[in-house]
Structures are given as structure tokens and as C-alpha cells.
Amino acid sequence: MRIVIMGGTSGIGLATAQSLTADGAEVIITGRNPKKLAAAKSAVAFAEQLDSTSEDDVTAFFDRIGVFDHLVLAFSPGAVGLGPLNDIKLADVKAAFDGKLFPYLFAIQRAQVTGSITLISASTARSALAGTVAFAAVNGAIERIVSPLAAELAPVRINAVSPGAVDTPWWSFLPEEQKQAQFAAAADTVPAKRIGRPTDVADAIRYLIGATYVTGSILPVDGGFTVA
């Protein structure tokens, strides 16, 4: 089984790559950061530095890779666009779309994938959290395209995993003390009573890759946040 994980050098993407490699899959990861790429390289079959926002680079990458079984889209522009709408620049909202939704769409256009495509969105798509309008817009758009893509690209299966708060390097914009305080407060609000781990989301992605009768679905992995 040959799997490409775009955004596989850190956090959820890396945890998924490690888990699938342990399962015996041939895993190819991409990422922009050369240090993270070098650190992750030994854990997978192949790692390539790639700017997923460059259409030329993505086209060339998939031309080289050829046909493969499964695609996982896990890259993110980070916390760009975080904050109340009146306090952020619309350019930041655009950057959030440019860093996630549009590269997802272009990768889906170019990938020669035969089995499944799993998109990583986020629970902000379906929650009412002040300061997350840009995140809700981007991840809501990602979740909304799952159903029509599942119909359009069949028999390739299209699903999304929608994580809640997960302890990954995404949170590096916060000082450690503030981050831990925010995690503790968030954990108190969810039925699972803890913050997510990258392996929690990786397990969900592994399930969707192997679930051959599941397509057009959005799987929340948020400790019950969106139903609490």
C-alpha cells in the first residue's frame, strides 16, 4: 500500500505517517520546513521538500510519484487569521484560504490516487467560538466539499477528519504557560476531559483509509467538543 501524506513532517501528519509505516505501508511525506523534513525522514519510505501552495511544484511532484493508493492532506498555514473579525485583516483571511483550502483542491486535481483521499479540517467548522471566523470559513469550506467530491471522484473515497484541540506544534505561537492554561480550560469543557493527541487523529485517518464502505463522511475527533 502506497500512501502520500502532504504535511507529514509534524503533528497529526507525522503521527499518521509513523502509524501507517508501522502498519507496513510505503509512506511518502511532504513538507516545507527542511529541518522538520530531515527529522522525519528516517520514519518513512520517502520525504520530499515541497511548497504545497505552488501549483508547478505540486504538479511536478505528482508526475514523479505516479499512481498511488491513498492521499492524506494535512498541511496548514498555522494560526493565520486567528482573532475577532474586526481585529484581523481580510488579507489574513485570504492567506488562511490560500494556505489550506486551495492547496487541498489543487492536490486533489493532480493526484493520481486510486483508493481514498482524507482531508484534515477542524472542529471550528461546526462550533461557535469567538475569534475563529477565518478558521470556521476555511474548515467549513473543506467539510462542505467532501460530499460532492465523493460523488464526483467515485470510486475513489473522499472523507474528512475534523479534530478539536490537539497538542501539536501548531500551538507554538503561544507561550508554554499560556498554552497549558488554555489546554486545561479546554479539557474541562469536553466529555473526554482531556486534550487530543496526534495519535488520536492518526487512528481516525487509519480507520478511514481502511474503511472501504465509508465515503462522503466527516469524522469528528474532538473529545465530544461539538456535541458537548
Protein backbone atom coordinates (compact mmCIF):
# COMPACT_ATOMS: atom_id res chain seq x y z
CA MET A 1 0.00 0.00 0.00
CA ARG A 2 1.44 3.35 -1.09
CA ILE A 3 0.33 6.48 0.76
CA VAL A 4 1.18 10.16 0.27
CA ILE A 5 0.81 12.49 3.25
CA MET A 6 1.13 16.16 2.36
CA GLY A 7 2.08 18.00 5.54
CA GLY A 8 3.56 14.88 7.07
CA THR A 9 6.56 16.32 8.91
CA SER A 10 4.91 17.43 12.13
CA GLY A 11 1.93 16.96 14.42
CA ILE A 12 -1.00 14.99 13.04
CA GLY A 13 0.64 14.37 9.67
CA LEU A 14 3.78 12.93 11.22
CA ALA A 15 1.87 10.78 13.71
CA THR A 16 -0.16 9.39 10.82
CA ALA A 17 2.96 8.71 8.76
CA GLN A 18 4.60 6.86 11.65
CA SER A 19 1.47 4.82 12.36
CA LEU A 20 0.92 3.80 8.74
CA THR A 21 4.60 2.95 8.31
CA ALA A 22 4.35 0.67 11.34
CA ASP A 23 1.39 -1.00 9.62
CA GLY A 24 3.68 -1.84 6.71
CA ALA A 25 2.64 0.85 4.25
CA GLU A 26 5.07 2.67 1.95
CA VAL A 27 4.60 6.24 3.14
CA ILE A 28 5.74 9.34 1.24
CA ILE A 29 5.60 12.64 3.12
CA THR A 30 5.98 16.24 2.01
CA GLY A 31 6.70 19.41 3.96
CA ARG A 32 8.16 22.87 3.56
CA ASN A 33 10.44 23.06 6.59
CA PRO A 34 13.82 21.42 5.81
CA LYS A 35 14.66 20.80 9.50
CA LYS A 36 11.36 19.07 10.18
CA LEU A 37 11.71 17.12 6.94
CA ALA A 38 15.18 15.90 7.89
CA ALA A 39 13.97 14.86 11.35
CA ALA A 40 11.03 12.91 9.92
CA LYS A 41 12.88 11.32 7.02
CA SER A 42 14.03 8.22 8.90
CA ALA A 43 10.45 7.36 9.90
CA VAL A 44 9.08 6.90 6.38
CA ALA A 45 9.94 5.47 2.98
CA PHE A 46 10.48 8.82 1.30
CA ALA A 47 10.34 12.52 2.24
CA GLU A 48 10.37 15.48 -0.13
CA GLN A 49 10.54 19.21 0.47
CA LEU A 50 7.53 20.72 -1.26
CA ASP A 51 5.71 24.04 -1.21
CA SER A 52 2.11 22.86 -1.46
CA THR A 53 0.95 26.35 -2.43
CA SER A 54 2.99 26.18 -5.67
CA GLU A 55 0.93 24.68 -8.46
CA ASP A 56 4.04 24.00 -10.55
CA ASP A 57 5.79 22.21 -7.70
CA VAL A 58 2.74 20.13 -6.82
CA THR A 59 2.20 19.15 -10.45
CA ALA A 60 5.83 18.08 -10.80
CA PHE A 61 5.65 16.11 -7.54
CA PHE A 62 2.62 14.09 -8.56
CA ASP A 63 4.05 13.50 -12.02
CA ARG A 64 7.10 11.95 -10.36
CA ILE A 65 5.09 9.91 -7.85
CA GLY A 66 2.70 8.45 -10.41
CA VAL A 67 -0.18 6.24 -9.33
CA PHE A 68 -0.64 5.52 -5.62
CA ASP A 69 -3.30 4.21 -3.24
CA HIS A 70 -4.18 6.86 -0.66
CA LEU A 71 -3.71 10.60 -0.16
CA VAL A 72 -3.85 12.42 3.19
CA LEU A 73 -3.97 16.23 3.14
CA ALA A 74 -2.71 17.57 6.45
CA PHE A 75 -0.97 20.86 5.81
CA SER A 76 -1.94 24.16 7.41
CA PRO A 77 -0.91 27.83 7.29
CA GLY A 78 -0.86 27.88 11.09
CA ALA A 79 -2.75 30.39 13.22
CA VAL A 80 -3.09 33.00 10.48
CA GLY A 81 -6.49 34.72 10.74
CA LEU A 82 -6.97 33.96 14.44
CA GLY A 83 -8.89 36.67 16.31
CA PRO A 84 -12.14 38.64 16.19
CA LEU A 85 -13.15 39.58 12.66
CA ASN A 86 -12.96 43.30 13.42
CA ASP A 87 -9.36 42.91 14.56
CA ILE A 88 -7.92 40.88 11.71
CA LYS A 89 -7.03 41.89 8.20
CA LEU A 90 -9.01 40.42 5.34
CA ALA A 91 -5.64 39.65 3.80
CA ASP A 92 -5.12 37.21 6.67
CA VAL A 93 -8.44 35.53 5.91
CA LYS A 94 -7.35 35.18 2.30
CA ALA A 95 -3.99 33.78 3.44
CA ALA A 96 -5.84 31.16 5.50
CA PHE A 97 -7.70 30.02 2.38
CA ASP A 98 -4.55 30.19 0.25
CA GLY A 99 -2.64 28.08 2.78
CA LYS A 100 -5.17 25.25 3.16
CA LEU A 101 -8.33 25.07 1.04
CA PHE A 102 -6.86 26.00 -2.33
CA PRO A 103 -3.78 23.74 -2.00
CA TYR A 104 -6.11 20.90 -0.97
CA LEU A 105 -8.18 21.43 -4.12
CA PHE A 106 -5.14 21.61 -6.38
CA ALA A 107 -3.61 18.47 -4.86
CA ILE A 108 -6.88 16.61 -5.42
CA GLN A 109 -6.89 17.75 -9.05
CA ARG A 110 -3.36 16.50 -9.70
CA ALA A 111 -3.05 13.35 -7.55
CA GLN A 112 -3.23 10.02 -9.36
CA VAL A 113 -4.86 8.28 -6.42
CA THR A 114 -6.90 5.09 -6.71
CA GLY A 115 -8.18 4.34 -3.20
CA SER A 116 -9.05 7.26 -0.94
CA ILE A 117 -8.40 10.88 -0.08
CA THR A 118 -8.63 12.01 3.54
CA LEU A 119 -8.78 15.73 4.31
CA ILE A 120 -7.96 17.25 7.70
CA SER A 121 -10.36 20.03 8.63
CA ALA A 122 -11.08 21.19 12.20
CA SER A 123 -13.95 21.38 14.66
CA THR A 124 -14.06 25.17 14.21
CA ALA A 125 -16.13 24.39 11.11
CA ARG A 126 -19.07 23.43 13.34
CA SER A 127 -18.51 25.34 16.59
CA ALA A 128 -19.36 28.76 17.98
CA LEU A 129 -16.02 30.03 19.20
CA ALA A 130 -15.39 33.77 19.14
CA GLY A 131 -12.22 34.66 17.28
CA THR A 132 -12.35 31.73 14.87
CA VAL A 133 -14.33 33.19 11.96
CA ALA A 134 -11.49 32.70 9.48
CA PHE A 135 -10.87 29.15 10.68
CA ALA A 136 -14.59 28.37 10.50
CA ALA A 137 -14.75 29.68 6.94
CA VAL A 138 -11.78 27.64 5.72
CA ASN A 139 -12.60 24.41 7.52
CA GLY A 140 -16.31 24.76 6.81
CA ALA A 141 -15.50 25.01 3.12
CA ILE A 142 -13.28 21.93 3.35
CA GLU A 143 -16.00 19.91 5.05
CA ARG A 144 -18.65 21.06 2.59
CA ILE A 145 -16.73 19.82 -0.44
CA VAL A 146 -16.44 16.26 0.90
CA SER A 147 -19.87 15.06 -0.27
CA PRO A 148 -19.75 16.41 -3.84
CA LEU A 149 -16.18 15.19 -4.25
CA ALA A 150 -17.20 11.72 -3.06
CA ALA A 151 -19.86 11.65 -5.77
CA GLU A 152 -17.66 13.20 -8.44
CA LEU A 153 -14.49 11.15 -7.88
CA ALA A 154 -16.10 7.76 -7.15
CA PRO A 155 -14.94 5.03 -6.79
CA VAL A 156 -12.15 6.95 -5.02
CA ARG A 157 -13.41 7.54 -1.48
CA ILE A 158 -13.36 11.07 -0.02
CA ASN A 159 -13.61 11.68 3.72
CA ALA A 160 -12.53 14.27 6.27
CA VAL A 161 -11.28 14.05 9.83
CA SER A 162 -12.25 17.01 11.97
CA PRO A 163 -10.01 17.37 15.05
CA GLY A 164 -10.69 19.51 18.08
CA ALA A 165 -7.88 20.88 20.24
CA VAL A 166 -4.84 18.64 19.72
CA ASP A 167 -1.45 19.13 21.37
CA THR A 168 0.76 19.74 18.32
CA PRO A 169 3.37 22.33 17.27
CA TRP A 170 0.51 24.32 15.71
CA TRP A 171 0.16 25.97 19.13
CA SER A 172 3.75 27.25 19.17
CA PHE A 173 2.53 30.84 18.77
CA LEU A 174 1.52 30.75 22.45
CA PRO A 175 3.97 30.88 25.39
CA GLU A 176 4.14 27.46 27.07
CA GLU A 177 2.43 28.57 30.29
CA GLN A 178 -0.44 30.19 28.39
CA LYS A 179 -0.79 27.16 26.14
CA GLN A 180 -1.06 24.76 29.08
CA ALA A 181 -3.63 27.00 30.78
CA GLN A 182 -5.69 27.07 27.59
CA PHE A 183 -5.43 23.30 27.25
CA ALA A 184 -6.59 22.81 30.83
CA ALA A 185 -9.57 25.09 30.32
CA ALA A 186 -10.49 23.37 27.06
CA ALA A 187 -10.22 19.91 28.60
CA ASP A 188 -12.78 20.87 31.25
CA THR A 189 -15.36 21.66 28.55
CA VAL A 190 -15.29 18.35 26.65
CA PRO A 191 -16.73 14.97 27.69
CA ALA A 192 -13.35 13.26 27.14
CA LYS A 193 -11.83 15.58 29.79
CA ARG A 194 -8.50 15.86 28.02
CA ILE A 195 -6.81 17.48 25.06
CA GLY A 196 -6.35 15.39 21.96
CA ARG A 197 -3.12 13.73 20.95
CA PRO A 198 -1.83 13.47 17.37
CA THR A 199 -2.19 9.69 17.59
CA ASP A 200 -5.92 10.09 18.28
CA VAL A 201 -6.35 11.72 14.89
CA ALA A 202 -3.92 9.33 13.22
CA ASP A 203 -6.07 6.42 14.38
CA ALA A 204 -9.12 8.00 12.75
CA ILE A 205 -7.24 8.52 9.49
CA ARG A 206 -6.07 4.90 9.53
CA TYR A 207 -9.68 3.82 10.01
CA LEU A 208 -10.90 5.85 7.05
CA ILE A 209 -8.14 4.57 4.80
CA GLY A 210 -9.15 1.01 5.58
CA ALA A 211 -12.93 1.53 5.68
CA THR A 212 -13.77 0.63 2.10
CA TYR A 213 -17.51 1.24 2.53
CA VAL A 214 -17.15 4.72 4.02
CA THR A 215 -17.12 7.78 1.75
CA GLY A 216 -18.52 11.29 1.90
CA SER A 217 -18.14 11.32 5.68
CA ILE A 218 -16.77 13.79 8.21
CA LEU A 219 -15.40 12.11 11.32
CA PRO A 220 -15.11 14.37 14.40
CA VAL A 221 -12.14 13.59 16.62
CA ASP A 222 -12.67 16.25 19.25
CA GLY A 223 -13.35 14.52 22.55
CA GLY A 224 -17.03 15.39 22.19
CA PHE A 225 -16.44 19.12 21.80
CA THR A 226 -19.00 19.65 19.05
CA VAL A 227 -21.70 17.67 20.88
CA ALA A 228 -20.96 18.87 24.42
